[in-house]
């Protein structure tokens, strides 16, 4: 038997044995759900400890560890009594991923200036088939923020035939740096990032306009991260295979440092800051820089397969309606060693979210069948761009039109109880009202996203559902700890990001204080129970960017 087959057998056995061992009487501590079993700390810890163990090798997409983790999760779902909700009556929704890796030799040449991969620019092509990709003599056109927002009467691509051209665009929204009194101020939610400000939107908008390439100008504050994140992440990309993929992609995607944009503007006889100010004005139109660019790019490709895991509790009165909770099972695999450790275990991010999802499912199973069906998913390839949840949205296992809500858990609190709970996306739809009501029953309060300019709402697995019109939110942890208040919570977050986030040091720690996590999971469960047993349909708030998408499917809902 080869190692892969051996690990498959071991993983299935481990999952079944452990899950079966976690079906006894709960020794739980938290819960406000009445008839529903409380959230159990022992089960929660065991799922986190197991999924983040070295056995699963960091759960990177397409690896043996990925296969084992999904086998474990399916075994746990089966052992507790969920119904399979995957393809063909299985627990799984498999999908192919293509890994694109751009060579470090890539260049962007404009006149006599040669800008090099990683130091000056980061270039990639998701249209590559393993051969060289290039653009020759492509005109560079400054397209402001690259936004096409018909509800605002805003189109940064207007009036240009974009075939063969490269759009140079700014990151974030047109009013991120607007001053009080500016005509644009508040039209794109002020400093709170909208979907128009996110980099995936920029590439898609450029493709729909017909551009050959889109290059985003990187600046730390509007991007919410430094050049190091771009350098380390964007030249190695995954994407899933879908029939329309070519139509939604430009040939070359990329980023450039601000200093590169300044140099290009100077060569064109323009001033970068002047163009930025112009891009914030209503009625802005693209500016041809009078420069042409050559792009030389080699991209290696590799196809692998991963899968989502899906289990369900079938509804009683309205089984065709769905409430969905998910968490991503993947992490970063085996990589560069840090302090001698090369396995990126992903305990908090996001073995903890998967464990919480399993606990919510177990609690639901202890009560009567809900009115609506409740689906529990473990998403693949989130760290590669929300690809598992995005795949589900493009090939839904349950109709999106009758999916009442989609929630995600992406990391649990491990620093003790808090008097509040941060809801990323609060103020966008009616779901935050449900959270506020359940939190009040716990004697806690709702805290809206404290850093909306970072675009956190667009960076976790609920977002593909939101983009498809399904009301969705991302419940986080507390920001005012019972011991030490907000200062202690902020210090713990800084420590987590600096020492553990996306590092091998994100490992299970038996010393974690999960009292706050138990509270938070109970809130998520009770919100889902309210929606699952309701006849009402959550709605986007008037004027939200996804309201119109949802309204188009109104006839499908009773």
Protein backbone atom coordinates (compact mmCIF):
# COMPACT_ATOMS: atom_id res chain seq x y z
CA UNK A 1 0.00 0.00 0.00
CA UNK A 2 1.44 3.41 -0.91
CA UNK A 3 1.72 6.21 1.67
CA UNK A 4 -1.25 8.15 0.26
CA UNK A 5 -3.54 5.12 0.50
CA UNK A 6 -2.21 4.34 3.97
CA UNK A 7 -2.85 7.87 5.16
CA UNK A 8 -6.34 7.79 3.67
CA UNK A 9 -7.15 4.70 5.71
CA UNK A 10 -5.54 6.07 8.85
CA UNK A 11 -7.32 9.40 8.46
CA UNK A 12 -10.72 7.83 7.99
CA UNK A 13 -10.17 5.59 10.99
CA UNK A 14 -8.93 8.46 13.14
CA UNK A 15 -11.89 10.62 12.20
CA UNK A 16 -14.44 7.95 12.92
CA UNK A 17 -12.83 6.86 16.20
CA UNK A 18 -12.43 10.39 17.53
CA UNK A 19 -15.84 11.57 16.41
CA UNK A 20 -17.48 8.50 17.92
CA UNK A 21 -15.63 9.22 21.15
CA UNK A 22 -17.08 12.72 21.18
CA UNK A 23 -20.74 11.73 21.08
CA UNK A 24 -21.21 11.04 24.79
CA UNK A 25 -22.91 13.36 27.26
CA UNK A 26 -21.79 16.95 26.91
CA UNK A 27 -19.70 18.50 29.63
CA UNK A 28 -20.41 21.95 28.23
CA UNK A 29 -20.41 25.36 29.75
CA UNK A 30 -22.11 27.79 27.36
CA UNK A 31 -25.46 28.07 25.68
CA UNK A 32 -28.61 30.12 25.52
CA UNK A 33 -30.54 27.87 23.16
CA UNK A 34 -33.00 26.28 25.56
CA UNK A 35 -33.59 22.77 24.24
CA UNK A 36 -30.31 22.68 22.32
CA UNK A 37 -27.30 21.01 23.88
CA UNK A 38 -24.64 23.41 25.17
CA UNK A 39 -21.39 24.02 23.34
CA UNK A 40 -18.86 21.60 24.78
CA UNK A 41 -15.29 22.72 25.45
CA UNK A 42 -13.85 19.20 25.52
CA UNK A 43 -15.15 18.43 22.03
CA UNK A 44 -14.11 21.85 20.74
CA UNK A 45 -10.55 21.47 22.00
CA UNK A 46 -10.18 17.95 20.67
CA UNK A 47 -11.25 18.94 17.16
CA UNK A 48 -8.84 21.91 17.17
CA UNK A 49 -5.97 19.86 18.58
CA UNK A 50 -6.49 17.07 16.05
CA UNK A 51 -6.99 19.18 12.91
CA UNK A 52 -3.94 21.32 13.72
CA UNK A 53 -1.66 18.40 14.52
CA UNK A 54 1.45 17.73 12.47
CA UNK A 55 -0.29 14.62 11.09
CA UNK A 56 -2.23 16.85 8.66
CA UNK A 57 0.91 18.69 7.52
CA UNK A 58 -0.66 22.14 7.48
CA UNK A 59 -3.65 21.14 5.28
CA UNK A 60 -2.37 22.73 2.07
CA UNK A 61 -4.73 22.32 -0.93
CA UNK A 62 -4.12 19.21 -3.01
CA UNK A 63 -1.81 17.53 -0.50
CA UNK A 64 -2.19 14.37 1.56
CA UNK A 65 -2.81 16.55 4.60
CA UNK A 66 -5.68 18.25 2.80
CA UNK A 67 -7.18 14.87 1.90
CA UNK A 68 -6.84 13.64 5.47
CA UNK A 69 -8.36 16.76 7.00
CA UNK A 70 -11.45 16.57 4.81
CA UNK A 71 -11.74 12.84 5.55
CA UNK A 72 -11.60 13.63 9.27
CA UNK A 73 -14.27 16.35 9.00
CA UNK A 74 -16.61 14.12 7.00
CA UNK A 75 -16.09 11.34 9.57
CA UNK A 76 -16.99 13.71 12.38
CA UNK A 77 -20.13 14.85 10.55
CA UNK A 78 -21.17 11.26 9.89
CA UNK A 79 -20.55 10.17 13.47
CA UNK A 80 -22.74 12.90 14.91
CA UNK A 81 -25.61 12.12 12.51
CA UNK A 82 -25.60 14.85 9.90
CA UNK A 83 -26.92 14.03 6.43
CA UNK A 84 -24.41 14.18 3.56
CA UNK A 85 -24.96 17.33 1.48
CA UNK A 86 -22.19 17.00 -1.10
CA UNK A 87 -22.18 15.89 -4.71
CA UNK A 88 -24.12 12.72 -5.50
CA UNK A 89 -25.10 12.04 -1.91
CA UNK A 90 -21.49 12.22 -0.70
CA UNK A 91 -19.91 14.43 1.95
CA UNK A 92 -17.74 16.22 -0.61
CA UNK A 93 -17.79 18.83 -3.34
CA UNK A 94 -14.50 18.26 -5.19
CA UNK A 95 -13.01 20.86 -7.50
CA UNK A 96 -9.83 21.31 -9.49
CA UNK A 97 -7.37 24.08 -8.78
CA UNK A 98 -4.69 25.42 -11.07
CA UNK A 99 -1.59 26.78 -9.37
CA UNK A 100 0.09 29.61 -11.25
CA UNK A 101 3.68 30.45 -10.35
CA UNK A 102 5.28 33.44 -12.05
CA UNK A 103 9.03 33.34 -12.60
CA UNK A 104 11.18 35.87 -10.76
CA UNK A 105 12.58 36.94 -14.15
CA UNK A 106 9.36 38.75 -15.15
CA UNK A 107 9.76 42.37 -16.24
CA UNK A 108 7.69 45.42 -17.14
CA UNK A 109 9.57 47.60 -19.64
CA UNK A 110 8.47 51.16 -20.46
CA UNK A 111 10.85 52.98 -22.75
CA UNK A 112 14.32 52.67 -21.25
CA UNK A 113 12.97 51.83 -17.79
CA UNK A 114 12.93 48.17 -16.78
CA UNK A 115 10.90 47.29 -13.69
CA UNK A 116 11.68 43.94 -12.13
CA UNK A 117 9.56 41.26 -10.52
CA UNK A 118 9.17 41.41 -6.73
CA UNK A 119 11.24 44.55 -6.16
CA UNK A 120 9.33 46.96 -8.43
CA UNK A 121 6.29 45.05 -9.66
CA UNK A 122 4.53 41.73 -9.12
CA UNK A 123 3.15 40.25 -12.34
CA UNK A 124 1.03 37.13 -12.85
CA UNK A 125 -1.27 35.66 -15.49
CA UNK A 126 -4.11 33.29 -14.70
CA UNK A 127 -4.59 32.76 -18.43
CA UNK A 128 -1.22 31.03 -18.66
CA UNK A 129 -1.03 27.44 -19.85
CA UNK A 130 2.55 26.78 -18.82
CA UNK A 131 4.13 28.82 -21.61
CA UNK A 132 5.42 32.37 -21.78
CA UNK A 133 2.90 35.21 -21.56
CA UNK A 134 3.61 38.63 -22.94
CA UNK A 135 2.25 41.98 -23.99
CA UNK A 136 4.08 44.10 -26.52
CA UNK A 137 3.57 47.81 -27.08
CA UNK A 138 0.52 47.96 -24.81
CA UNK A 139 -0.60 51.57 -24.17
CA UNK A 140 -0.71 52.57 -20.49
CA UNK A 141 -3.89 54.37 -19.46
CA UNK A 142 -4.54 55.72 -15.97
CA UNK A 143 -8.05 54.55 -14.99
CA UNK A 144 -8.42 56.20 -11.60
CA UNK A 145 -9.66 53.71 -9.03
CA UNK A 146 -10.82 51.25 -11.68
CA UNK A 147 -14.42 51.53 -10.48
CA UNK A 148 -17.58 50.99 -12.47
CA UNK A 149 -20.47 51.79 -10.12
CA UNK A 150 -23.65 52.51 -12.09
CA UNK A 151 -25.63 53.23 -8.91
CA UNK A 152 -23.22 56.13 -8.30
CA UNK A 153 -23.03 57.20 -11.93
CA UNK A 154 -19.33 56.37 -11.78
CA UNK A 155 -17.27 54.74 -14.54
CA UNK A 156 -13.49 54.99 -14.52
CA UNK A 157 -13.32 53.03 -17.79
CA UNK A 158 -15.71 55.24 -19.78
CA UNK A 159 -14.91 56.47 -23.26
CA UNK A 160 -11.92 54.22 -24.04
CA UNK A 161 -11.56 51.23 -26.31
CA UNK A 162 -9.55 49.09 -23.92
CA UNK A 163 -8.51 46.34 -26.32
CA UNK A 164 -4.75 45.79 -26.05
CA UNK A 165 -4.33 48.42 -23.31
CA UNK A 166 -3.12 48.20 -19.73
CA UNK A 167 -5.16 50.00 -17.06
CA UNK A 168 -3.14 51.55 -14.24
CA UNK A 169 -5.45 51.85 -11.23
CA UNK A 170 -5.35 52.93 -7.59
CA UNK A 171 -6.14 50.62 -4.68
CA UNK A 172 -9.16 51.21 -2.40
CA UNK A 173 -12.14 53.50 -3.16
CA UNK A 174 -12.42 56.99 -4.65
CA UNK A 175 -13.27 58.54 -1.27
CA UNK A 176 -10.72 56.74 0.94
CA UNK A 177 -8.53 59.86 1.03
CA UNK A 178 -11.28 62.39 0.42
CA UNK A 179 -11.33 65.48 2.60
CA UNK A 180 -14.44 66.86 4.27
CA UNK A 181 -16.50 68.76 1.73
CA UNK A 182 -15.13 66.91 -1.31
CA UNK A 183 -17.83 66.00 -3.80
CA UNK A 184 -16.96 62.30 -3.54
CA UNK A 185 -16.89 62.16 0.27
CA UNK A 186 -19.17 59.41 1.56
CA UNK A 187 -20.27 58.11 -1.84
CA UNK A 188 -18.20 54.96 -1.33
CA UNK A 189 -18.65 54.61 2.47
CA UNK A 190 -15.84 57.00 3.37
CA UNK A 191 -12.78 55.23 4.75
CA UNK A 192 -14.70 51.96 5.06
CA UNK A 193 -13.64 49.84 2.10
CA UNK A 194 -16.31 48.64 -0.31
CA UNK A 195 -16.08 45.82 -2.85
CA UNK A 196 -15.00 48.42 -5.41
CA UNK A 197 -11.84 48.97 -3.38
CA UNK A 198 -10.67 45.36 -3.27
CA UNK A 199 -7.97 44.11 -5.63
CA UNK A 200 -9.98 41.16 -7.05
CA UNK A 201 -12.67 43.62 -8.14
CA UNK A 202 -10.08 45.77 -9.93
CA UNK A 203 -8.96 42.86 -12.10
CA UNK A 204 -12.51 41.75 -12.89
CA UNK A 205 -13.67 45.24 -13.79
CA UNK A 206 -10.71 45.65 -16.12
CA UNK A 207 -11.49 42.33 -17.80
CA UNK A 208 -15.13 43.26 -18.29
CA UNK A 209 -14.04 46.56 -19.82
CA UNK A 210 -11.87 44.61 -22.30
CA UNK A 211 -8.42 45.61 -21.02
CA UNK A 212 -5.39 43.42 -21.73
CA UNK A 213 -3.93 44.08 -18.30
CA UNK A 214 -4.55 45.78 -14.96
CA UNK A 215 -1.72 47.08 -12.75
CA UNK A 216 -2.67 48.28 -9.27
CA UNK A 217 -0.58 51.00 -7.62
CA UNK A 218 0.33 49.82 -4.13
CA UNK A 219 0.32 52.17 -1.15
CA UNK A 220 0.44 50.88 2.41
CA UNK A 221 -2.49 52.79 3.95
CA UNK A 222 -5.16 52.28 1.27
CA UNK A 223 -4.10 48.67 0.70
CA UNK A 224 -4.05 48.01 4.48
CA UNK A 225 -0.81 46.03 4.14
CA UNK A 226 2.77 46.59 3.07
CA UNK A 227 4.57 45.66 -0.14
CA UNK A 228 5.88 42.53 1.56
CA UNK A 229 2.39 40.99 1.48
CA UNK A 230 2.15 41.63 -2.26
CA UNK A 231 5.67 40.35 -2.88
CA UNK A 232 5.13 37.15 -0.90
CA UNK A 233 1.62 36.30 -2.07
CA UNK A 234 0.66 37.48 -5.52
CA UNK A 235 3.26 35.85 -7.75
CA UNK A 236 2.00 32.42 -6.64
CA UNK A 237 -1.73 32.10 -7.13
CA UNK A 238 -4.37 29.40 -7.24
CA UNK A 239 -7.58 29.60 -9.20
CA UNK A 240 -10.32 27.08 -9.78
CA UNK A 241 -11.34 25.92 -13.21
CA UNK A 242 -14.74 27.09 -14.45
CA UNK A 243 -16.14 27.43 -17.94
CA UNK A 244 -16.31 31.24 -18.05
CA UNK A 245 -12.92 31.84 -16.47
CA UNK A 246 -11.28 33.31 -19.54
CA UNK A 247 -13.99 35.92 -19.96
CA UNK A 248 -13.46 37.28 -16.46
CA UNK A 249 -9.67 37.65 -16.63
CA UNK A 250 -7.22 40.10 -18.12
CA UNK A 251 -4.08 38.62 -19.65
CA UNK A 252 -1.74 40.26 -17.12
CA UNK A 253 -2.59 41.12 -13.53
CA UNK A 254 -0.16 42.93 -11.34
CA UNK A 255 0.88 45.47 -8.75
CA UNK A 256 3.46 48.24 -8.88
CA UNK A 257 5.13 50.18 -6.11
CA UNK A 258 4.06 53.80 -5.78
CA UNK A 259 7.54 54.92 -6.81
CA UNK A 260 7.10 53.03 -10.10
CA UNK A 261 3.83 54.85 -10.74
CA UNK A 262 5.53 58.15 -9.94
CA UNK A 263 8.34 57.34 -12.41
CA UNK A 264 5.84 56.47 -15.14
CA UNK A 265 3.88 59.65 -14.55
CA UNK A 266 7.09 61.69 -14.68
CA UNK A 267 8.02 60.04 -18.00
CA UNK A 268 4.58 61.01 -19.28
CA UNK A 269 4.96 64.61 -18.10
CA UNK A 270 2.36 64.08 -15.38
CA UNK A 271 2.29 64.33 -11.60
CA UNK A 272 1.07 61.25 -9.75
CA UNK A 273 -0.58 63.11 -6.87
CA UNK A 274 -2.40 65.42 -9.29
CA UNK A 275 -3.81 62.40 -11.11
CA UNK A 276 -4.87 60.88 -7.79
CA UNK A 277 -6.80 64.01 -6.86
CA UNK A 278 -8.46 64.07 -10.27
CA UNK A 279 -9.49 60.41 -9.85
CA UNK A 280 -11.51 61.35 -6.76
CA UNK A 281 -13.71 63.78 -8.67
CA UNK A 282 -17.12 62.75 -10.03
CA UNK A 283 -16.98 62.65 -13.79
CA UNK A 284 -13.33 61.53 -13.91
CA UNK A 285 -12.34 60.03 -17.25
CA UNK A 286 -9.31 57.85 -18.07
CA UNK A 287 -6.02 59.57 -18.90
CA UNK A 288 -3.82 58.15 -21.67
CA UNK A 289 -0.24 58.41 -20.39
CA UNK A 290 1.19 58.34 -23.91
CA UNK A 291 3.47 55.44 -22.93
CA UNK A 292 3.59 51.83 -24.08
CA UNK A 293 4.71 48.83 -22.07
CA UNK A 294 6.18 45.42 -22.79
CA UNK A 295 5.50 42.61 -20.35
CA UNK A 296 7.69 39.50 -20.34
CA UNK A 297 6.32 36.78 -18.08
CA UNK A 298 6.74 33.05 -17.69
CA UNK A 299 4.19 31.19 -15.59
CA UNK A 300 4.38 27.55 -14.56
CA UNK A 301 1.09 25.77 -13.95
CA UNK A 302 0.04 22.72 -11.95
CA UNK A 303 -3.43 21.22 -11.49
CA UNK A 304 -4.46 19.71 -8.16
CA UNK A 305 -7.78 18.76 -6.59
CA UNK A 306 -9.25 19.74 -3.26
CA UNK A 307 -12.79 19.62 -1.88
CA UNK A 308 -15.38 21.24 0.28
CA UNK A 309 -17.11 19.14 2.95
CA UNK A 310 -20.87 19.56 3.45
CA UNK A 311 -23.34 18.10 5.93
CA UNK A 312 -26.96 19.02 6.57
CA UNK A 313 -29.86 18.90 8.99
CA UNK A 314 -32.93 18.70 6.76
CA UNK A 315 -35.65 21.19 7.61
CA UNK A 316 -39.13 20.16 8.59
CA UNK A 317 -41.67 22.68 7.24
CA UNK A 318 -39.42 24.30 4.60
CA UNK A 319 -36.64 21.83 3.69
CA UNK A 320 -35.89 23.65 0.43
CA UNK A 321 -34.83 26.79 2.30
CA UNK A 322 -31.30 26.97 3.67
CA UNK A 323 -29.29 28.60 6.44
CA UNK A 324 -25.56 28.03 6.00
CA UNK A 325 -22.57 28.09 8.33
CA UNK A 326 -19.04 27.48 7.11
CA UNK A 327 -15.36 27.64 8.04
CA UNK A 328 -12.27 26.98 5.94
CA UNK A 329 -10.32 23.79 6.61
CA UNK A 330 -7.16 24.63 4.64
CA UNK A 331 -3.99 26.35 5.79
CA UNK A 332 -0.49 26.98 4.43
CA UNK A 333 1.04 23.50 4.52
CA UNK A 334 4.78 22.97 4.92
CA UNK A 335 6.90 26.03 4.21
CA UNK A 336 9.89 28.09 5.26
CA UNK A 337 10.97 27.14 8.80
CA UNK A 338 10.47 29.64 11.61
CA UNK A 339 12.47 28.83 14.75
CA UNK A 340 13.05 25.36 13.33
CA UNK A 341 9.39 24.55 12.66
CA UNK A 342 8.21 24.23 9.04
CA UNK A 343 4.61 22.98 9.51
CA UNK A 344 2.06 25.79 9.38
CA UNK A 345 -0.54 24.11 11.60
CA UNK A 346 -3.28 26.75 11.45
CA UNK A 347 -4.82 26.04 14.84
CA UNK A 348 -6.71 29.29 15.33
CA UNK A 349 -6.73 29.96 11.58
CA UNK A 350 -8.81 27.93 11.06
CA UNK A 351 -8.98 24.57 12.76
CA UNK A 352 -10.82 26.50 15.45
CA UNK A 353 -13.52 27.65 13.02
CA UNK A 354 -14.06 24.12 11.73
CA UNK A 355 -14.27 22.83 15.30
CA UNK A 356 -16.83 25.51 16.12
CA UNK A 357 -18.89 24.62 13.06
CA UNK A 358 -18.92 20.96 14.10
CA UNK A 359 -20.00 21.94 17.61
CA UNK A 360 -22.85 24.10 16.31
CA UNK A 361 -23.99 21.15 14.19
CA UNK A 362 -23.88 18.77 17.16
CA UNK A 363 -25.86 21.21 19.27
CA UNK A 364 -28.51 21.60 16.55
CA UNK A 365 -28.88 17.84 16.31
CA UNK A 366 -29.86 17.68 19.98
CA UNK A 367 -33.09 19.55 19.30
CA UNK A 368 -36.12 19.21 17.04
CA UNK A 369 -35.74 19.61 13.29
CA UNK A 370 -35.61 23.31 12.37
CA UNK A 371 -38.13 24.77 9.94
CA UNK A 372 -35.45 25.43 7.31
CA UNK A 373 -32.56 23.14 6.40
CA UNK A 374 -29.26 24.00 8.04
CA UNK A 375 -26.06 23.27 6.08
CA UNK A 376 -22.58 23.06 7.60
CA UNK A 377 -19.58 23.41 5.29
CA UNK A 378 -15.82 23.20 5.58
CA UNK A 379 -14.34 25.20 2.73
CA UNK A 380 -11.18 24.39 0.79
CA UNK A 381 -8.55 26.84 -0.47
CA UNK A 382 -9.68 29.90 1.47
CA UNK A 383 -6.11 31.01 1.99
CA UNK A 384 -5.70 31.05 -1.80
CA UNK A 385 -8.53 33.54 -2.34
CA UNK A 386 -11.80 32.19 -0.88
CA UNK A 387 -11.81 29.59 -3.65
CA UNK A 388 -13.83 26.85 -1.96
CA UNK A 389 -16.74 29.07 -1.00
CA UNK A 390 -16.49 30.82 -4.36
CA UNK A 391 -16.69 27.44 -6.09
CA UNK A 392 -19.82 26.58 -4.10
CA UNK A 393 -21.43 29.86 -5.15
CA UNK A 394 -20.65 29.11 -8.80
CA UNK A 395 -21.87 25.49 -8.46
CA UNK A 396 -24.27 25.64 -5.50
CA UNK A 397 -25.25 22.46 -3.69
CA UNK A 398 -28.38 24.29 -2.49
CA UNK A 399 -30.12 27.11 -4.39
CA UNK A 400 -28.72 30.51 -3.50
CA UNK A 401 -32.09 32.17 -4.14
CA UNK A 402 -33.58 30.29 -1.18
CA UNK A 403 -30.50 30.49 1.05
CA UNK A 404 -31.67 32.81 3.79
CA UNK A 405 -28.23 33.61 5.23
CA UNK A 406 -24.57 32.57 5.15
CA UNK A 407 -22.22 32.97 8.10
CA UNK A 408 -18.54 32.15 8.50
CA UNK A 409 -16.31 31.47 11.50
CA UNK A 410 -12.69 32.35 10.79
CA UNK A 411 -10.75 32.08 14.05
CA UNK A 412 -11.96 31.86 17.64
CA UNK A 413 -11.07 33.94 20.65
CA UNK A 414 -8.56 32.24 22.96
CA UNK A 415 -8.13 35.03 25.54
CA UNK A 416 -11.22 34.66 27.74
CA UNK A 417 -14.73 36.08 27.92
CA UNK A 418 -15.66 39.52 26.63
CA UNK A 419 -18.56 41.88 27.16
CA UNK A 420 -19.08 42.34 23.42
CA UNK A 421 -18.74 40.61 20.05
CA UNK A 422 -17.33 42.23 16.92
CA UNK A 423 -19.47 41.69 13.80
CA UNK A 424 -17.59 42.30 10.57
CA UNK A 425 -20.18 43.63 8.16
CA UNK A 426 -22.55 45.10 10.73
CA UNK A 427 -24.72 47.81 9.21
CA UNK A 428 -25.00 46.10 5.83
CA UNK A 429 -28.00 43.83 6.32
CA UNK A 430 -30.61 42.76 8.84
CA UNK A 431 -28.50 39.93 10.26
CA UNK A 432 -26.77 42.25 12.69
CA UNK A 433 -30.18 42.82 14.30
CA UNK A 434 -30.36 39.09 15.00
CA UNK A 435 -26.89 39.16 16.53
CA UNK A 436 -27.73 42.18 18.68
CA UNK A 437 -30.80 40.42 20.06
CA UNK A 438 -28.95 37.20 20.92
CA UNK A 439 -26.03 39.10 22.43
CA UNK A 440 -28.43 41.09 24.59
CA UNK A 441 -29.82 37.81 25.93
CA UNK A 442 -26.24 36.95 26.95
CA UNK A 443 -25.83 40.37 28.57
CA UNK A 444 -23.38 41.44 25.86
CA UNK A 445 -23.29 44.08 23.14
CA UNK A 446 -22.54 44.18 19.42
CA UNK A 447 -19.43 46.02 18.26
CA UNK A 448 -19.30 46.91 14.53
CA UNK A 449 -16.13 46.28 12.54
CA UNK A 450 -13.54 48.54 14.19
CA UNK A 451 -11.31 48.77 11.11
CA UNK A 452 -13.64 48.85 8.07
CA UNK A 453 -10.91 50.50 5.99
CA UNK A 454 -9.04 47.17 6.01
CA UNK A 455 -11.82 45.54 4.01
CA UNK A 456 -12.23 42.60 6.37
CA UNK A 457 -15.78 41.99 5.16
CA UNK A 458 -14.39 41.01 1.76
CA UNK A 459 -11.72 38.63 3.05
CA UNK A 460 -13.51 35.60 4.43
CA UNK A 461 -15.75 32.83 3.15
CA UNK A 462 -19.11 34.53 3.67
CA UNK A 463 -18.16 37.10 1.02
CA UNK A 464 -18.76 35.05 -2.17
CA UNK A 465 -22.30 34.54 -0.85
CA UNK A 466 -22.73 38.25 -0.20
CA UNK A 467 -21.51 39.02 -3.68
CA UNK A 468 -24.13 36.63 -5.05
CA UNK A 469 -26.79 38.49 -3.06
CA UNK A 470 -27.16 36.17 -0.06
CA UNK A 471 -27.27 38.14 3.22
CA UNK A 472 -24.01 37.27 4.96
CA UNK A 473 -21.91 38.34 7.93
CA UNK A 474 -18.64 37.45 9.62
CA UNK A 475 -19.03 37.20 13.43
CA UNK A 476 -15.72 37.75 15.17
CA UNK A 477 -14.61 37.70 18.80
CA UNK A 478 -14.84 40.10 21.67
CA UNK A 479 -12.97 43.39 21.80
CA UNK A 480 -13.50 44.22 25.51
CA UNK A 481 -12.13 41.38 27.63
CA UNK A 482 -13.46 40.67 31.09
CA UNK A 483 -9.89 40.88 32.39
CA UNK A 484 -8.16 43.96 31.04
CA UNK A 485 -10.84 45.43 28.79
CA UNK A 486 -10.13 46.70 25.29
CA UNK A 487 -6.45 47.36 25.98
CA UNK A 488 -5.93 43.69 26.82
CA UNK A 489 -7.84 42.59 23.72
CA UNK A 490 -5.78 44.89 21.50
CA UNK A 491 -2.54 43.67 23.04
CA UNK A 492 -3.56 40.04 22.51
CA UNK A 493 -4.44 40.75 18.87
CA UNK A 494 -1.07 42.44 18.25
CA UNK A 495 0.72 39.52 19.84
CA UNK A 496 -1.24 37.05 17.73
CA UNK A 497 -0.48 38.85 14.47
CA UNK A 498 3.20 39.40 15.22
CA UNK A 499 4.03 35.99 16.68
CA UNK A 500 1.58 33.45 15.30
CA UNK A 501 -0.61 34.58 12.38
CA UNK A 502 0.33 32.63 9.23
CA UNK A 503 3.36 31.21 11.01
CA UNK A 504 4.18 27.69 12.23
CA UNK A 505 3.59 29.05 15.74
CA UNK A 506 -0.19 29.00 15.18
CA UNK A 507 -0.37 25.74 17.14
CA UNK A 508 -2.85 24.34 19.62
CA UNK A 509 -2.18 25.44 23.20
CA UNK A 510 -3.95 23.67 26.08
CA UNK A 511 -3.53 26.86 28.14
CA UNK A 512 -5.96 28.80 25.93
CA UNK A 513 -8.89 30.37 27.76
CA UNK A 514 -11.84 29.38 25.54
CA UNK A 515 -14.59 30.78 27.76
CA UNK A 516 -15.15 33.64 25.32
CA UNK A 517 -15.13 31.27 22.35
CA UNK A 518 -17.87 29.18 23.98
CA UNK A 519 -19.99 32.32 24.37
CA UNK A 520 -19.36 33.35 20.76
CA UNK A 521 -20.18 29.93 19.31
CA UNK A 522 -23.44 29.88 21.28
CA UNK A 523 -24.31 33.28 19.79
CA UNK A 524 -23.71 32.01 16.25
CA UNK A 525 -25.79 28.91 16.95
CA UNK A 526 -28.69 30.88 18.39
CA UNK A 527 -28.68 33.38 15.52
CA UNK A 528 -28.81 30.47 13.09
CA UNK A 529 -31.65 28.89 15.08
CA UNK A 530 -33.65 32.13 14.91
CA UNK A 531 -33.24 32.31 11.14
CA UNK A 532 -33.76 28.59 10.61
CA UNK A 533 -37.08 28.65 12.48
CA UNK A 534 -38.36 31.89 10.94
CA UNK A 535 -40.52 32.56 7.90
CA UNK A 536 -38.88 35.94 7.35
CA UNK A 537 -36.05 36.53 4.89
CA UNK A 538 -33.03 38.60 5.97
CA UNK A 539 -32.50 41.62 3.74
CA UNK A 540 -29.67 43.90 2.65
CA UNK A 541 -30.01 47.45 3.89
CA UNK A 542 -31.28 49.98 1.32
CA UNK A 543 -28.45 51.25 -0.88
CA UNK A 544 -26.07 48.40 -0.09
CA UNK A 545 -23.94 47.31 -3.04
CA UNK A 546 -25.50 43.82 -3.01
CA UNK A 547 -29.14 44.82 -2.52
CA UNK A 548 -29.98 44.89 -6.23
CA UNK A 549 -28.48 41.44 -6.81
CA UNK A 550 -30.68 39.91 -4.11
CA UNK A 551 -33.79 41.69 -5.32
CA UNK A 552 -33.44 40.07 -8.74
CA UNK A 553 -34.14 36.71 -7.10
CA UNK A 554 -37.13 37.89 -5.04
CA UNK A 555 -39.65 35.86 -7.13
CA UNK A 556 -37.90 32.63 -6.10
CA UNK A 557 -38.69 33.16 -2.39
CA UNK A 558 -42.14 32.63 -0.89
